[in-house]
Amino acid sequence: MGRNVVGALRGRLAPSSVADLERRVEELEAEVQECRAVNLRVAELVDVVTELLVPLAQGDEEKVQALLERYHGSL
């Protein structure tokens, strides 16, 4: 939350209300970061699946195994 907004709220709200709002904003920021990490992981998994589709469709077992080994190595 912008510091100027917090400053304006301090004059209008009880100190405990401002502290509650600051705590909630911190919680929400942490949740946003967690969502970003999950979204990144999903995007990585989509990339792996996409890379696997062509070799699987072509029956290229060697390339599939190489891609899976590379994926497992990145974990």
C-alpha atoms as a PDB file:
ATOM      1  CA  MET A   1       0.000   0.000   0.000  1.00  0.00           C
ATOM      2  CA  GLY A   2       1.397   3.425  -0.832  1.00  0.00           C
ATOM      3  CA  ARG A   3       2.815   5.279   2.135  1.00  0.00           C
ATOM      4  CA  ASN A   4       0.768   8.405   1.334  1.00  0.00           C
ATOM      5  CA  VAL A   5      -2.441   6.351   1.561  1.00  0.00           C
ATOM      6  CA  VAL A   6      -1.328   4.858   4.866  1.00  0.00           C
ATOM      7  CA  GLY A   7      -0.547   8.331   6.141  1.00  0.00           C
ATOM      8  CA  ALA A   8      -4.009   9.554   5.176  1.00  0.00           C
ATOM      9  CA  LEU A   9      -5.611   6.551   6.853  1.00  0.00           C
ATOM     10  CA  ARG A  10      -3.664   7.085  10.066  1.00  0.00           C
ATOM     11  CA  GLY A  11      -5.473  10.381  10.606  1.00  0.00           C
ATOM     12  CA  ARG A  12      -8.911   8.850  10.090  1.00  0.00           C
ATOM     13  CA  LEU A  13      -8.667   5.358  11.568  1.00  0.00           C
ATOM     14  CA  ALA A  14      -7.792   3.995  14.950  1.00  0.00           C
ATOM     15  CA  PRO A  15      -4.156   2.841  15.197  1.00  0.00           C
ATOM     16  CA  SER A  16      -5.274  -0.773  15.556  1.00  0.00           C
ATOM     17  CA  SER A  17      -7.276  -0.513  12.309  1.00  0.00           C
ATOM     18  CA  VAL A  18      -4.253   0.794  10.421  1.00  0.00           C
ATOM     19  CA  ALA A  19      -2.079  -1.980  11.860  1.00  0.00           C
ATOM     20  CA  ASP A  20      -4.714  -4.539  10.832  1.00  0.00           C
ATOM     21  CA  LEU A  21      -4.793  -3.130   7.304  1.00  0.00           C
ATOM     22  CA  GLU A  22      -0.994  -3.148   7.044  1.00  0.00           C
ATOM     23  CA  ARG A  23      -0.890  -6.761   8.265  1.00  0.00           C
ATOM     24  CA  ARG A  24      -3.581  -7.764   5.761  1.00  0.00           C
ATOM     25  CA  VAL A  25      -1.735  -6.052   2.897  1.00  0.00           C
ATOM     26  CA  GLU A  26       1.419  -7.973   3.837  1.00  0.00           C
ATOM     27  CA  GLU A  27      -0.569 -11.235   3.835  1.00  0.00           C
ATOM     28  CA  LEU A  28      -2.066 -10.433   0.439  1.00  0.00           C
ATOM     29  CA  GLU A  29       1.351  -9.586  -1.009  1.00  0.00           C
ATOM     30  CA  ALA A  30       2.675 -12.947   0.213  1.00  0.00           C
ATOM     31  CA  GLU A  31      -0.314 -14.723  -1.346  1.00  0.00           C
ATOM     32  CA  VAL A  32       0.279 -12.923  -4.647  1.00  0.00           C
ATOM     33  CA  GLN A  33       3.910 -14.077  -4.628  1.00  0.00           C
ATOM     34  CA  GLU A  34       2.774 -17.638  -3.938  1.00  0.00           C
ATOM     35  CA  CYS A  35       0.302 -17.455  -6.840  1.00  0.00           C
ATOM     36  CA  ARG A  36       3.055 -16.163  -9.125  1.00  0.00           C
ATOM     37  CA  ALA A  37       5.274 -19.103  -8.178  1.00  0.00           C
ATOM     38  CA  VAL A  38       2.452 -21.574  -8.836  1.00  0.00           C
ATOM     39  CA  ASN A  39       1.658 -19.933 -12.180  1.00  0.00           C
ATOM     40  CA  LEU A  40       5.328 -20.145 -13.174  1.00  0.00           C
ATOM     41  CA  ARG A  41       5.391 -23.843 -12.287  1.00  0.00           C
ATOM     42  CA  VAL A  42       2.221 -24.468 -14.307  1.00  0.00           C
ATOM     43  CA  ALA A  43       3.759 -22.657 -17.279  1.00  0.00           C
ATOM     44  CA  GLU A  44       6.883 -24.827 -16.991  1.00  0.00           C
ATOM     45  CA  LEU A  45       4.754 -27.978 -16.933  1.00  0.00           C
ATOM     46  CA  VAL A  46       2.797 -26.801 -19.979  1.00  0.00           C
ATOM     47  CA  ASP A  47       6.120 -26.296 -21.781  1.00  0.00           C
ATOM     48  CA  VAL A  48       7.213 -29.845 -20.909  1.00  0.00           C
ATOM     49  CA  VAL A  49       3.918 -31.317 -22.077  1.00  0.00           C
ATOM     50  CA  THR A  50       4.091 -29.297 -25.285  1.00  0.00           C
ATOM     51  CA  GLU A  51       7.642 -30.503 -25.931  1.00  0.00           C
ATOM     52  CA  LEU A  52       6.528 -34.102 -25.373  1.00  0.00           C
ATOM     53  CA  LEU A  53       3.527 -34.039 -27.706  1.00  0.00           C
ATOM     54  CA  VAL A  54       5.434 -34.043 -30.999  1.00  0.00           C
ATOM     55  CA  PRO A  55       7.887 -36.826 -30.105  1.00  0.00           C
ATOM     56  CA  LEU A  56       5.038 -38.890 -28.637  1.00  0.00           C
ATOM     57  CA  ALA A  57       2.936 -38.392 -31.760  1.00  0.00           C
ATOM     58  CA  GLN A  58       5.915 -39.425 -33.908  1.00  0.00           C
ATOM     59  CA  GLY A  59       6.699 -42.421 -31.727  1.00  0.00           C
ATOM     60  CA  ASP A  60      10.196 -41.075 -30.977  1.00  0.00           C
ATOM     61  CA  GLU A  61      10.735 -42.890 -27.673  1.00  0.00           C
ATOM     62  CA  GLU A  62      14.401 -41.852 -27.458  1.00  0.00           C
ATOM     63  CA  LYS A  63      13.546 -38.148 -27.601  1.00  0.00           C
ATOM     64  CA  VAL A  64      10.708 -38.631 -25.106  1.00  0.00           C
ATOM     65  CA  GLN A  65      13.097 -40.270 -22.640  1.00  0.00           C
ATOM     66  CA  ALA A  66      15.672 -37.512 -23.137  1.00  0.00           C
ATOM     67  CA  LEU A  67      13.041 -34.829 -22.474  1.00  0.00           C
ATOM     68  CA  LEU A  68      11.785 -36.622 -19.370  1.00  0.00           C
ATOM     69  CA  GLU A  69      15.321 -37.023 -18.029  1.00  0.00           C
ATOM     70  CA  ARG A  70      15.980 -33.321 -18.608  1.00  0.00           C
ATOM     71  CA  TYR A  71      12.732 -32.452 -16.833  1.00  0.00           C
ATOM     72  CA  HIS A  72      13.515 -34.675 -13.838  1.00  0.00           C
ATOM     73  CA  GLY A  73      16.991 -33.167 -13.661  1.00  0.00           C
ATOM     74  CA  SER A  74      15.494 -29.687 -13.399  1.00  0.00           C
ATOM     75  CA  LEU A  75      13.415 -30.543 -10.310  1.00  0.00           C
END
